[in-house]
Amino acid sequence: MTYLEARRVEALFKEYRKLALDYWAARIPAPESPHAWMAGPGGLEPTETDASREFRRKLMLSQPEALYWADRLGVGVAGQSFPAPAVGGPVIPFNLLACVIDQNIGHTTVPTEEVLDAIDKCIGAAAFEKRRLLARLVKPWCWLVDVPALIVGWPFHVMRKAGVPAKFVESTTAQIIKAVLTGLLWLTGFAYAVYRTGLGAAIHAALTK
């Protein structure tokens, strides 16, 4: 992930949170009833309106990208719906980011606070990654690692885009190739420095860095 990507992803999750709040506010609340518990999860649901349907459409368009970046950031947004012990049944997994549209999952209703907490964790993770990458951008000595890593990793990014299986791109052989290419880049840079400044100056420059 690059700094610009992290900044865009942070904005994506902030917009996703705003759309969720707008969607919930635009619906007509479900009627209250002392016997609502008898209907079970989803028995009494809010009513959609024209405004809520538009927010719902935008949420559905944003959801695949939000799920993708949550996984890339390593944010835990998964939950499980457990049946009542007396009733029994399967444990149903779900994704909290997808519960913006439907909070009635399996055996329970997911609280709004839990959905917002999941989105906020994604915002925080993206903001942290943005700050971390910006800190590396403003430190020239980090370029000695980041620039070669970008050059060496470029062919592997191309292979991913071309549909090469991830198990090959991330295999031990691929990692060895990356290490060898990184070493060759450093040797090439050192050889160029020797050519330009002489052996003694090149060694001194390498040691001081």
N, C-alpha and C. Protein backbone atom coordinates (compact mmCIF):
# COMPACT_ATOMS: atom_id res chain seq x y z
N MET A 1 0.84 -1.20 0.00
CA MET A 1 0.00 0.00 0.00
C MET A 1 0.87 1.24 0.00
N THR A 2 0.50 2.23 -0.79
CA THR A 2 1.22 3.49 -0.84
C THR A 2 0.52 4.53 0.04
N TYR A 3 1.21 5.66 0.24
CA TYR A 3 0.63 6.73 1.05
C TYR A 3 -0.68 7.23 0.43
N LEU A 4 -0.68 7.42 -0.90
CA LEU A 4 -1.88 7.92 -1.56
C LEU A 4 -3.03 6.92 -1.45
N GLU A 5 -2.73 5.63 -1.53
CA GLU A 5 -3.76 4.62 -1.35
C GLU A 5 -4.33 4.66 0.07
N ALA A 6 -3.45 4.77 1.06
CA ALA A 6 -3.89 4.81 2.45
C ALA A 6 -4.79 6.01 2.70
N ARG A 7 -4.44 7.14 2.11
CA ARG A 7 -5.27 8.34 2.28
C ARG A 7 -6.64 8.15 1.64
N ARG A 8 -6.66 7.52 0.46
CA ARG A 8 -7.93 7.29 -0.22
C ARG A 8 -8.78 6.27 0.54
N VAL A 9 -8.15 5.24 1.09
CA VAL A 9 -8.88 4.22 1.84
C VAL A 9 -9.47 4.80 3.12
N GLU A 10 -8.74 5.68 3.78
CA GLU A 10 -9.28 6.34 4.97
C GLU A 10 -10.54 7.13 4.61
N ALA A 11 -10.48 7.85 3.50
CA ALA A 11 -11.65 8.62 3.05
C ALA A 11 -12.80 7.69 2.68
N LEU A 12 -12.48 6.53 2.10
CA LEU A 12 -13.50 5.56 1.73
C LEU A 12 -14.28 5.09 2.95
N PHE A 13 -13.57 4.73 4.04
CA PHE A 13 -14.25 4.24 5.23
C PHE A 13 -15.02 5.36 5.95
N LYS A 14 -14.51 6.58 5.90
CA LYS A 14 -15.25 7.70 6.49
C LYS A 14 -16.56 7.92 5.74
N GLU A 15 -16.51 7.82 4.43
CA GLU A 15 -17.72 7.98 3.63
C GLU A 15 -18.68 6.81 3.88
N TYR A 16 -18.12 5.62 4.05
CA TYR A 16 -18.94 4.43 4.32
C TYR A 16 -19.69 4.60 5.65
N ARG A 17 -19.02 5.16 6.64
CA ARG A 17 -19.64 5.40 7.94
C ARG A 17 -20.77 6.42 7.83
N LYS A 18 -20.51 7.48 7.07
CA LYS A 18 -21.53 8.52 6.89
C LYS A 18 -22.74 7.96 6.16
N LEU A 19 -22.50 7.14 5.13
CA LEU A 19 -23.61 6.54 4.39
C LEU A 19 -24.43 5.62 5.29
N ALA A 20 -23.76 4.89 6.18
CA ALA A 20 -24.46 3.99 7.10
C ALA A 20 -25.39 4.79 8.01
N LEU A 21 -24.88 5.86 8.59
CA LEU A 21 -25.71 6.69 9.48
C LEU A 21 -26.86 7.32 8.70
N ASP A 22 -26.59 7.80 7.49
CA ASP A 22 -27.65 8.41 6.67
C ASP A 22 -28.70 7.37 6.30
N TYR A 23 -28.26 6.16 6.00
CA TYR A 23 -29.20 5.09 5.63
C TYR A 23 -30.12 4.74 6.78
N TRP A 24 -29.55 4.55 7.95
CA TRP A 24 -30.35 4.20 9.12
C TRP A 24 -31.34 5.31 9.47
N ALA A 25 -30.88 6.57 9.33
CA ALA A 25 -31.75 7.70 9.68
C ALA A 25 -32.89 7.89 8.67
N ALA A 26 -32.65 7.47 7.42
CA ALA A 26 -33.65 7.69 6.37
C ALA A 26 -34.78 6.65 6.41
N ARG A 27 -34.58 5.54 7.11
CA ARG A 27 -35.63 4.52 7.19
C ARG A 27 -36.67 4.89 8.25
N ILE A 28 -37.87 4.38 8.05
CA ILE A 28 -38.93 4.55 9.05
C ILE A 28 -38.74 3.48 10.12
N PRO A 29 -38.59 3.86 11.38
CA PRO A 29 -38.33 2.86 12.44
C PRO A 29 -39.41 1.79 12.50
N ALA A 30 -39.00 0.61 12.92
CA ALA A 30 -39.96 -0.49 13.07
C ALA A 30 -40.92 -0.17 14.21
N PRO A 31 -42.16 -0.60 14.08
CA PRO A 31 -43.14 -0.34 15.16
C PRO A 31 -42.73 -1.06 16.44
N GLU A 32 -42.90 -0.38 17.55
CA GLU A 32 -42.56 -0.98 18.83
C GLU A 32 -43.74 -1.82 19.34
N SER A 33 -43.38 -2.96 19.91
CA SER A 33 -44.42 -3.86 20.43
C SER A 33 -43.83 -4.66 21.57
N PRO A 34 -44.56 -4.82 22.65
CA PRO A 34 -44.05 -5.63 23.77
C PRO A 34 -43.89 -7.10 23.39
N HIS A 35 -44.50 -7.50 22.27
CA HIS A 35 -44.42 -8.90 21.84
C HIS A 35 -43.46 -9.07 20.66
N ALA A 36 -42.63 -8.05 20.40
CA ALA A 36 -41.74 -8.11 19.24
C ALA A 36 -40.75 -9.27 19.35
N TRP A 37 -40.39 -9.61 20.59
CA TRP A 37 -39.39 -10.68 20.78
C TRP A 37 -39.89 -12.01 20.24
N MET A 38 -41.22 -12.18 20.17
CA MET A 38 -41.77 -13.44 19.71
C MET A 38 -41.53 -13.64 18.21
N ALA A 39 -41.33 -12.55 17.50
CA ALA A 39 -41.11 -12.65 16.05
C ALA A 39 -39.69 -13.09 15.72
N GLY A 40 -38.79 -12.98 16.69
CA GLY A 40 -37.40 -13.36 16.45
C GLY A 40 -36.67 -12.28 15.67
N PRO A 41 -35.37 -12.51 15.38
CA PRO A 41 -34.59 -11.53 14.63
C PRO A 41 -35.23 -11.25 13.27
N GLY A 42 -35.40 -9.98 12.99
CA GLY A 42 -35.98 -9.60 11.71
C GLY A 42 -37.49 -9.62 11.68
N GLY A 43 -38.12 -9.94 12.82
CA GLY A 43 -39.57 -10.01 12.84
C GLY A 43 -40.21 -8.66 12.59
N LEU A 44 -39.69 -7.63 13.22
CA LEU A 44 -40.16 -6.26 12.99
C LEU A 44 -38.98 -5.45 12.48
N GLU A 45 -39.04 -4.99 11.25
CA GLU A 45 -37.92 -4.29 10.62
C GLU A 45 -38.33 -2.89 10.21
N PRO A 46 -37.35 -1.97 10.12
CA PRO A 46 -37.65 -0.62 9.62
C PRO A 46 -38.15 -0.68 8.18
N THR A 47 -38.89 0.32 7.79
CA THR A 47 -39.44 0.39 6.43
C THR A 47 -38.55 1.26 5.55
N GLU A 48 -38.26 0.78 4.36
CA GLU A 48 -37.43 1.55 3.43
C GLU A 48 -38.21 2.74 2.86
N THR A 49 -37.46 3.80 2.55
CA THR A 49 -38.04 4.97 1.90
C THR A 49 -37.24 5.24 0.62
N ASP A 50 -37.69 6.21 -0.17
CA ASP A 50 -36.95 6.55 -1.39
C ASP A 50 -35.53 7.01 -1.06
N ALA A 51 -35.41 7.80 0.01
CA ALA A 51 -34.09 8.30 0.40
C ALA A 51 -33.20 7.15 0.89
N SER A 52 -33.77 6.26 1.70
CA SER A 52 -32.95 5.16 2.23
C SER A 52 -32.52 4.22 1.11
N ARG A 53 -33.36 4.04 0.11
CA ARG A 53 -32.98 3.16 -1.01
C ARG A 53 -31.79 3.72 -1.77
N GLU A 54 -31.69 5.03 -1.89
CA GLU A 54 -30.55 5.64 -2.57
C GLU A 54 -29.27 5.45 -1.75
N PHE A 55 -29.38 5.66 -0.45
CA PHE A 55 -28.21 5.41 0.42
C PHE A 55 -27.82 3.93 0.39
N ARG A 56 -28.82 3.07 0.35
CA ARG A 56 -28.56 1.63 0.28
C ARG A 56 -27.81 1.28 -1.00
N ARG A 57 -28.22 1.89 -2.11
CA ARG A 57 -27.54 1.64 -3.38
C ARG A 57 -26.07 2.05 -3.31
N LYS A 58 -25.80 3.22 -2.73
CA LYS A 58 -24.42 3.69 -2.61
C LYS A 58 -23.60 2.78 -1.69
N LEU A 59 -24.24 2.31 -0.63
CA LEU A 59 -23.54 1.40 0.28
C LEU A 59 -23.17 0.10 -0.43
N MET A 60 -24.09 -0.43 -1.21
CA MET A 60 -23.83 -1.68 -1.92
C MET A 60 -22.71 -1.51 -2.95
N LEU A 61 -22.62 -0.33 -3.56
CA LEU A 61 -21.55 -0.07 -4.52
C LEU A 61 -20.19 0.04 -3.81
N SER A 62 -20.19 0.57 -2.60
CA SER A 62 -18.94 0.77 -1.85
C SER A 62 -18.51 -0.48 -1.08
N GLN A 63 -19.46 -1.36 -0.80
CA GLN A 63 -19.17 -2.47 0.11
C GLN A 63 -18.06 -3.41 -0.37
N PRO A 64 -18.02 -3.82 -1.65
CA PRO A 64 -16.93 -4.71 -2.07
C PRO A 64 -15.55 -4.12 -1.83
N GLU A 65 -15.38 -2.82 -2.11
CA GLU A 65 -14.08 -2.19 -1.90
C GLU A 65 -13.78 -2.07 -0.41
N ALA A 66 -14.80 -1.77 0.39
CA ALA A 66 -14.59 -1.68 1.84
C ALA A 66 -14.16 -3.03 2.41
N LEU A 67 -14.79 -4.10 1.97
CA LEU A 67 -14.42 -5.44 2.44
C LEU A 67 -12.99 -5.79 2.02
N TYR A 68 -12.64 -5.41 0.80
CA TYR A 68 -11.29 -5.71 0.29
C TYR A 68 -10.23 -5.01 1.13
N TRP A 69 -10.43 -3.71 1.39
CA TRP A 69 -9.40 -2.96 2.11
C TRP A 69 -9.36 -3.31 3.59
N ALA A 70 -10.49 -3.69 4.16
CA ALA A 70 -10.47 -4.16 5.55
C ALA A 70 -9.60 -5.40 5.67
N ASP A 71 -9.69 -6.28 4.68
CA ASP A 71 -8.86 -7.49 4.69
C ASP A 71 -7.39 -7.13 4.47
N ARG A 72 -7.11 -6.19 3.55
CA ARG A 72 -5.73 -5.78 3.30
C ARG A 72 -5.10 -5.14 4.52
N LEU A 73 -5.88 -4.39 5.28
CA LEU A 73 -5.38 -3.72 6.48
C LEU A 73 -5.29 -4.66 7.67
N GLY A 74 -5.86 -5.84 7.54
CA GLY A 74 -5.82 -6.81 8.63
C GLY A 74 -6.73 -6.48 9.79
N VAL A 75 -7.81 -5.76 9.51
CA VAL A 75 -8.76 -5.38 10.57
C VAL A 75 -9.76 -6.52 10.78
N GLY A 76 -9.97 -6.91 12.02
CA GLY A 76 -10.93 -7.96 12.32
C GLY A 76 -12.35 -7.44 12.30
N VAL A 77 -13.09 -7.77 11.26
CA VAL A 77 -14.48 -7.31 11.13
C VAL A 77 -15.44 -8.50 11.03
N ALA A 78 -14.97 -9.67 11.44
CA ALA A 78 -15.81 -10.87 11.37
C ALA A 78 -16.50 -11.10 12.70
N GLY A 79 -17.68 -11.66 12.63
CA GLY A 79 -18.44 -12.02 13.83
C GLY A 79 -19.10 -13.37 13.64
N GLN A 80 -19.70 -13.87 14.70
CA GLN A 80 -20.39 -15.15 14.64
C GLN A 80 -21.72 -15.05 15.38
N SER A 81 -22.72 -15.68 14.81
CA SER A 81 -24.04 -15.72 15.43
C SER A 81 -24.27 -17.11 16.01
N PHE A 82 -24.38 -17.17 17.34
CA PHE A 82 -24.54 -18.46 18.03
C PHE A 82 -26.01 -18.72 18.35
N PRO A 83 -26.46 -19.94 18.16
CA PRO A 83 -27.86 -20.26 18.51
C PRO A 83 -28.05 -20.36 20.01
N ALA A 84 -29.28 -20.25 20.44
CA ALA A 84 -29.58 -20.44 21.87
C ALA A 84 -29.28 -21.89 22.24
N PRO A 85 -28.68 -22.12 23.41
CA PRO A 85 -28.32 -23.50 23.81
C PRO A 85 -29.51 -24.45 23.81
N ALA A 86 -30.68 -23.93 24.19
CA ALA A 86 -31.85 -24.81 24.27
C ALA A 86 -32.38 -25.18 22.89
N VAL A 87 -32.07 -24.37 21.91
CA VAL A 87 -32.59 -24.60 20.55
C VAL A 87 -31.57 -25.35 19.69
N GLY A 88 -30.32 -24.90 19.77
CA GLY A 88 -29.28 -25.53 18.96
C GLY A 88 -29.31 -25.02 17.52
N GLY A 89 -28.33 -25.45 16.75
CA GLY A 89 -28.25 -25.04 15.36
C GLY A 89 -26.82 -24.65 15.00
N PRO A 90 -26.60 -24.32 13.74
CA PRO A 90 -25.24 -23.99 13.30
C PRO A 90 -24.80 -22.61 13.77
N VAL A 91 -23.48 -22.43 13.90
CA VAL A 91 -22.90 -21.12 14.17
C VAL A 91 -22.71 -20.42 12.82
N ILE A 92 -23.29 -19.25 12.68
CA ILE A 92 -23.30 -18.55 11.39
C ILE A 92 -22.29 -17.40 11.40
N PRO A 93 -21.27 -17.46 10.53
CA PRO A 93 -20.30 -16.35 10.45
C PRO A 93 -20.87 -15.19 9.65
N PHE A 94 -20.40 -13.99 9.94
CA PHE A 94 -20.84 -12.81 9.18
C PHE A 94 -19.76 -11.75 9.23
N ASN A 95 -19.90 -10.76 8.35
CA ASN A 95 -18.97 -9.64 8.29
C ASN A 95 -19.71 -8.39 8.77
N LEU A 96 -19.13 -7.72 9.74
CA LEU A 96 -19.80 -6.56 10.34
C LEU A 96 -20.01 -5.42 9.34
N LEU A 97 -19.11 -5.28 8.37
CA LEU A 97 -19.27 -4.21 7.38
C LEU A 97 -20.48 -4.46 6.49
N ALA A 98 -20.82 -5.72 6.29
CA ALA A 98 -21.99 -6.05 5.48
C ALA A 98 -23.29 -5.91 6.27
N CYS A 99 -23.19 -5.79 7.59
CA CYS A 99 -24.39 -5.69 8.43
C CYS A 99 -25.00 -4.29 8.41
N VAL A 100 -24.39 -3.36 7.70
CA VAL A 100 -25.00 -2.03 7.58
C VAL A 100 -26.37 -2.16 6.93
N ILE A 101 -26.46 -3.03 5.93
CA ILE A 101 -27.72 -3.20 5.20
C ILE A 101 -28.68 -4.13 5.94
N ASP A 102 -28.17 -5.21 6.45
CA ASP A 102 -29.01 -6.20 7.13
C ASP A 102 -28.35 -6.59 8.45
N GLN A 103 -28.92 -6.14 9.54
CA GLN A 103 -28.36 -6.42 10.87
C GLN A 103 -28.92 -7.69 11.48
N ASN A 104 -29.88 -8.31 10.80
CA ASN A 104 -30.45 -9.55 11.30
C ASN A 104 -29.69 -10.72 10.69
N ILE A 105 -28.77 -11.29 11.46
CA ILE A 105 -27.91 -12.35 10.97
C ILE A 105 -28.14 -13.62 11.78
N GLY A 106 -28.56 -14.65 11.10
CA GLY A 106 -28.70 -15.95 11.77
C GLY A 106 -29.65 -15.92 12.94
N HIS A 107 -29.09 -16.04 14.14
CA HIS A 107 -29.89 -16.19 15.35
C HIS A 107 -30.03 -14.89 16.15
N THR A 108 -29.48 -13.80 15.64
CA THR A 108 -29.48 -12.58 16.45
C THR A 108 -29.52 -11.34 15.57
N THR A 109 -29.68 -10.21 16.21
CA THR A 109 -29.61 -8.91 15.54
C THR A 109 -28.33 -8.21 15.99
N VAL A 110 -27.48 -7.84 15.04
CA VAL A 110 -26.21 -7.22 15.35
C VAL A 110 -26.45 -5.77 15.78
N PRO A 111 -25.98 -5.37 16.95
CA PRO A 111 -26.19 -3.98 17.40
C PRO A 111 -25.51 -2.97 16.48
N THR A 112 -26.16 -1.82 16.34
CA THR A 112 -25.61 -0.75 15.51
C THR A 112 -24.23 -0.34 15.99
N GLU A 113 -24.02 -0.31 17.31
CA GLU A 113 -22.73 0.11 17.86
C GLU A 113 -21.59 -0.81 17.39
N GLU A 114 -21.87 -2.10 17.27
CA GLU A 114 -20.83 -3.03 16.83
C GLU A 114 -20.46 -2.78 15.36
N VAL A 115 -21.44 -2.44 14.55
CA VAL A 115 -21.17 -2.15 13.14
C VAL A 115 -20.32 -0.88 13.03
N LEU A 116 -20.69 0.16 13.80
CA LEU A 116 -19.92 1.40 13.77
C LEU A 116 -18.51 1.20 14.32
N ASP A 117 -18.38 0.37 15.35
CA ASP A 117 -17.05 0.08 15.90
C ASP A 117 -16.15 -0.56 14.85
N ALA A 118 -16.72 -1.46 14.06
CA ALA A 118 -15.94 -2.13 13.01
C ALA A 118 -15.48 -1.12 11.96
N ILE A 119 -16.37 -0.22 11.57
CA ILE A 119 -16.00 0.80 10.58
C ILE A 119 -14.95 1.73 11.16
N ASP A 120 -15.10 2.11 12.43
CA ASP A 120 -14.12 3.00 13.07
C ASP A 120 -12.75 2.35 13.17
N LYS A 121 -12.71 1.05 13.40
CA LYS A 121 -11.43 0.35 13.43
C LYS A 121 -10.75 0.40 12.06
N CYS A 122 -11.54 0.30 11.01
CA CYS A 122 -10.99 0.40 9.65
C CYS A 122 -10.46 1.80 9.38
N ILE A 123 -11.20 2.81 9.84
CA ILE A 123 -10.73 4.20 9.68
C ILE A 123 -9.42 4.40 10.42
N GLY A 124 -9.36 3.89 11.66
CA GLY A 124 -8.14 4.02 12.45
C GLY A 124 -6.96 3.31 11.82
N ALA A 125 -7.19 2.11 11.28
CA ALA A 125 -6.10 1.35 10.66
C ALA A 125 -5.58 2.07 9.42
N ALA A 126 -6.49 2.62 8.61
CA ALA A 126 -6.07 3.35 7.41
C ALA A 126 -5.32 4.63 7.79
N ALA A 127 -5.78 5.33 8.82
CA ALA A 127 -5.11 6.55 9.26
C ALA A 127 -3.71 6.24 9.79
N PHE A 128 -3.58 5.14 10.54
CA PHE A 128 -2.27 4.74 11.04
C PHE A 128 -1.31 4.41 9.90
N GLU A 129 -1.82 3.67 8.91
CA GLU A 129 -0.98 3.31 7.76
C GLU A 129 -0.58 4.55 6.97
N LYS A 130 -1.49 5.51 6.88
CA LYS A 130 -1.18 6.76 6.18
C LYS A 130 -0.06 7.51 6.89
N ARG A 131 -0.14 7.61 8.22
CA ARG A 131 0.90 8.30 8.98
C ARG A 131 2.24 7.57 8.89
N ARG A 132 2.17 6.25 8.94
CA ARG A 132 3.41 5.46 8.88
C ARG A 132 4.12 5.64 7.54
N LEU A 133 3.35 5.60 6.46
CA LEU A 133 3.93 5.74 5.13
C LEU A 133 4.43 7.16 4.88
N LEU A 134 3.71 8.15 5.43
CA LEU A 134 4.17 9.53 5.28
C LEU A 134 5.49 9.74 6.01
N ALA A 135 5.63 9.12 7.18
CA ALA A 135 6.88 9.23 7.94
C ALA A 135 8.05 8.66 7.15
N ARG A 136 7.80 7.59 6.41
CA ARG A 136 8.87 7.00 5.60
C ARG A 136 9.20 7.89 4.40
N LEU A 137 8.18 8.55 3.86
CA LEU A 137 8.42 9.40 2.69
C LEU A 137 9.32 10.58 3.02
N VAL A 138 9.23 11.10 4.23
CA VAL A 138 10.00 12.30 4.58
C VAL A 138 11.37 11.96 5.15
N LYS A 139 11.70 10.66 5.23
CA LYS A 139 13.02 10.25 5.72
C LYS A 139 13.83 9.70 4.56
N PRO A 140 14.80 10.46 4.05
CA PRO A 140 15.56 10.02 2.87
C PRO A 140 16.24 8.67 3.05
N TRP A 141 16.69 8.34 4.29
CA TRP A 141 17.38 7.07 4.48
C TRP A 141 16.44 5.87 4.28
N CYS A 142 15.14 6.09 4.42
CA CYS A 142 14.20 5.00 4.17
C CYS A 142 14.11 4.67 2.67
N TRP A 143 14.49 5.65 1.84
CA TRP A 143 14.44 5.41 0.40
C TRP A 143 15.42 4.32 -0.02
N LEU A 144 16.50 4.15 0.77
CA LEU A 144 17.49 3.13 0.45
C LEU A 144 16.88 1.73 0.49
N VAL A 145 15.80 1.58 1.26
CA VAL A 145 15.10 0.30 1.33
C VAL A 145 13.88 0.30 0.42
N ASP A 146 13.11 1.39 0.47
CA ASP A 146 11.83 1.42 -0.23
C ASP A 146 11.98 1.43 -1.75
N VAL A 147 12.96 2.19 -2.26
CA VAL A 147 13.13 2.28 -3.72
C VAL A 147 13.56 0.93 -4.31
N PRO A 148 14.60 0.26 -3.76
CA PRO A 148 14.93 -1.07 -4.29
C PRO A 148 13.77 -2.06 -4.15
N ALA A 149 13.05 -1.98 -3.00
CA ALA A 149 11.92 -2.89 -2.80
C ALA A 149 10.84 -2.66 -3.86
N LEU A 150 10.62 -1.40 -4.21
CA LEU A 150 9.62 -1.09 -5.24
C LEU A 150 10.05 -1.64 -6.59
N ILE A 151 11.34 -1.47 -6.92
CA ILE A 151 11.85 -1.95 -8.21
C ILE A 151 11.79 -3.47 -8.29
N VAL A 152 12.25 -4.13 -7.22
CA VAL A 152 12.27 -5.60 -7.21
C VAL A 152 10.85 -6.16 -7.20
N GLY A 153 9.94 -5.52 -6.47
CA GLY A 153 8.58 -6.04 -6.35
C GLY A 153 7.70 -5.77 -7.55
N TRP A 154 8.15 -4.86 -8.43
CA TRP A 154 7.32 -4.47 -9.57
C TRP A 154 6.93 -5.66 -10.46
N PRO A 155 7.88 -6.52 -10.87
CA PRO A 155 7.48 -7.66 -11.72
C PRO A 155 6.46 -8.57 -11.05
N PHE A 156 6.55 -8.71 -9.73
CA PHE A 156 5.61 -9.59 -9.03
C PHE A 156 4.22 -8.96 -8.95
N HIS A 157 4.16 -7.63 -8.84
CA HIS A 157 2.86 -6.95 -8.89
C HIS A 157 2.22 -7.14 -10.27
N VAL A 158 3.06 -7.08 -11.30
CA VAL A 158 2.56 -7.28 -12.66
C VAL A 158 2.02 -8.71 -12.81
N MET A 159 2.74 -9.68 -12.24
CA MET A 159 2.28 -11.07 -12.33
C MET A 159 0.94 -11.26 -11.64
N ARG A 160 0.74 -10.58 -10.48
CA ARG A 160 -0.55 -10.68 -9.79
C ARG A 160 -1.66 -10.15 -10.68
N LYS A 161 -1.41 -8.98 -11.31
CA LYS A 161 -2.41 -8.38 -12.20
C LYS A 161 -2.68 -9.27 -13.39
N ALA A 162 -1.67 -10.02 -13.83
CA ALA A 162 -1.82 -10.90 -14.98
C ALA A 162 -2.53 -12.20 -14.64
N GLY A 163 -2.80 -12.41 -13.35
CA GLY A 163 -3.54 -13.59 -12.94
C GLY A 163 -2.68 -14.76 -12.52
N VAL A 164 -1.37 -14.53 -12.29
CA VAL A 164 -0.51 -15.60 -11.80
C VAL A 164 -0.96 -15.98 -10.39
N PRO A 165 -1.10 -17.26 -10.07
CA PRO A 165 -1.57 -17.68 -8.74
C PRO A 165 -0.73 -17.09 -7.62
N ALA A 166 -1.40 -16.66 -6.56
CA ALA A 166 -0.71 -16.03 -5.43
C ALA A 166 0.29 -16.98 -4.78
N LYS A 167 -0.01 -18.29 -4.80
CA LYS A 167 0.90 -19.25 -4.16
C LYS A 167 2.26 -19.27 -4.85
N PHE A 168 2.28 -18.92 -6.16
CA PHE A 168 3.56 -18.84 -6.86
C PHE A 168 4.26 -17.52 -6.57
N VAL A 169 3.49 -16.43 -6.60
CA VAL A 169 4.08 -15.10 -6.38
C VAL A 169 4.66 -14.99 -4.98
N GLU A 170 4.03 -15.65 -4.00
CA GLU A 170 4.50 -15.58 -2.61
C GLU A 170 5.29 -16.81 -2.19
N SER A 171 5.69 -17.65 -3.13
CA SER A 171 6.41 -18.88 -2.81
C SER A 171 7.82 -18.59 -2.30
N THR A 172 8.45 -19.60 -1.74
CA THR A 172 9.83 -19.46 -1.25
C THR A 172 10.78 -19.10 -2.39
N THR A 173 10.56 -19.71 -3.54
CA THR A 173 11.40 -19.41 -4.71
C THR A 173 11.29 -17.94 -5.09
N ALA A 174 10.08 -17.41 -5.07
CA ALA A 174 9.88 -16.00 -5.41
C ALA A 174 10.59 -15.10 -4.41
N GLN A 175 10.55 -15.47 -3.12
CA GLN A 175 11.23 -14.66 -2.11
C GLN A 175 12.75 -14.69 -2.30
N ILE A 176 13.28 -15.84 -2.69
CA ILE A 176 14.72 -15.94 -2.96
C ILE A 176 15.10 -15.06 -4.15
N ILE A 177 14.26 -15.08 -5.18
CA ILE A 177 14.51 -14.24 -6.36
C ILE A 177 14.52 -12.77 -5.96
N LYS A 178 13.58 -12.37 -5.11
CA LYS A 178 13.53 -10.98 -4.65
C LYS A 178 14.80 -10.62 -3.90
N ALA A 179 15.27 -11.52 -3.03
CA ALA A 179 16.49 -11.25 -2.26
C ALA A 179 17.70 -11.11 -3.19
N VAL A 180 17.78 -12.00 -4.19
CA VAL A 180 18.92 -11.95 -5.14
C VAL A 180 18.88 -10.65 -5.94
N LEU A 181 17.69 -10.29 -6.42
CA LEU A 181 17.56 -9.05 -7.20
C LEU A 181 17.90 -7.83 -6.35
N THR A 182 17.50 -7.83 -5.08
CA THR A 182 17.83 -6.72 -4.19
C THR A 182 19.34 -6.61 -4.01
N GLY A 183 20.00 -7.77 -3.82
CA GLY A 183 21.46 -7.76 -3.70
C GLY A 183 22.14 -7.24 -4.95
N LEU A 184 21.62 -7.63 -6.11
CA LEU A 184 22.19 -7.16 -7.37
C LEU A 184 22.03 -5.65 -7.54
N LEU A 185 20.88 -5.14 -7.08
CA LEU A 185 20.67 -3.69 -7.17
C LEU A 185 21.67 -2.94 -6.30
N TRP A 186 21.90 -3.47 -5.08
CA TRP A 186 22.86 -2.82 -4.19
C TRP A 186 24.27 -2.90 -4.78
N LEU A 187 24.63 -4.04 -5.35
CA LEU A 187 25.96 -4.18 -5.96
C LEU A 187 26.11 -3.25 -7.16
N THR A 188 25.04 -3.11 -7.94
CA THR A 188 25.08 -2.20 -9.08
C THR A 188 25.28 -0.77 -8.62
N GLY A 189 24.54 -0.39 -7.57
CA GLY A 189 24.70 0.97 -7.04
C GLY A 189 26.09 1.21 -6.48
N PHE A 190 26.61 0.19 -5.79
CA PHE A 190 27.96 0.32 -5.23
C PHE A 190 29.00 0.42 -6.34
N ALA A 191 28.84 -0.40 -7.39
CA ALA A 191 29.78 -0.36 -8.51
C ALA A 191 29.76 1.00 -9.21
N TYR A 192 28.56 1.56 -9.32
CA TYR A 192 28.46 2.88 -9.95
C TYR A 192 29.14 3.94 -9.09
N ALA A 193 28.96 3.81 -7.75
CA ALA A 193 29.61 4.76 -6.85
C ALA A 193 31.12 4.65 -6.93
N VAL A 194 31.65 3.42 -7.05
CA VAL A 194 33.10 3.22 -7.21
C VAL A 194 33.59 3.85 -8.50
N TYR A 195 32.81 3.67 -9.55
CA TYR A 195 33.17 4.23 -10.85
C TYR A 195 33.22 5.76 -10.80
N ARG A 196 32.27 6.35 -10.06
CA ARG A 196 32.16 7.82 -10.04
C ARG A 196 33.13 8.46 -9.05
N THR A 197 33.32 7.83 -7.88
CA THR A 197 34.06 8.51 -6.82
C THR A 197 35.32 7.79 -6.39
N GLY A 198 35.49 6.55 -6.80
CA GLY A 198 36.64 5.79 -6.33
C GLY A 198 36.24 4.83 -5.23
N LEU A 199 37.05 3.79 -5.02
CA LEU A 199 36.71 2.74 -4.07
C LEU A 199 36.63 3.24 -2.63
N GLY A 200 37.62 4.03 -2.23
CA GLY A 200 37.67 4.50 -0.85
C GLY A 200 36.46 5.35 -0.49
N ALA A 201 36.12 6.28 -1.37
CA ALA A 201 34.97 7.15 -1.11
C ALA A 201 33.67 6.36 -1.10
N ALA A 202 33.57 5.36 -1.99
CA ALA A 202 32.35 4.56 -2.04
C ALA A 202 32.16 3.75 -0.76
N ILE A 203 33.24 3.15 -0.27
CA ILE A 203 33.16 2.38 0.97
C ILE A 203 32.79 3.29 2.15
N HIS A 204 33.41 4.47 2.19
CA HIS A 204 33.11 5.41 3.27
C HIS A 204 31.63 5.83 3.22
N ALA A 205 31.12 6.10 2.02
CA ALA A 205 29.71 6.51 1.87
C ALA A 205 28.77 5.38 2.31
N ALA A 206 29.13 4.12 1.94
CA ALA A 206 28.29 2.99 2.31
C ALA A 206 28.27 2.76 3.81
N LEU A 207 29.43 2.93 4.47
CA LEU A 207 29.51 2.73 5.91
C LEU A 207 28.77 3.83 6.67
N THR A 208 28.87 5.05 6.20
CA THR A 208 28.21 6.15 6.91
C THR A 208 26.71 6.10 6.75
N LYS A 209 26.21 5.43 5.72
CA LYS A 209 24.76 5.31 5.53
C LYS A 209 24.22 4.12 6.30
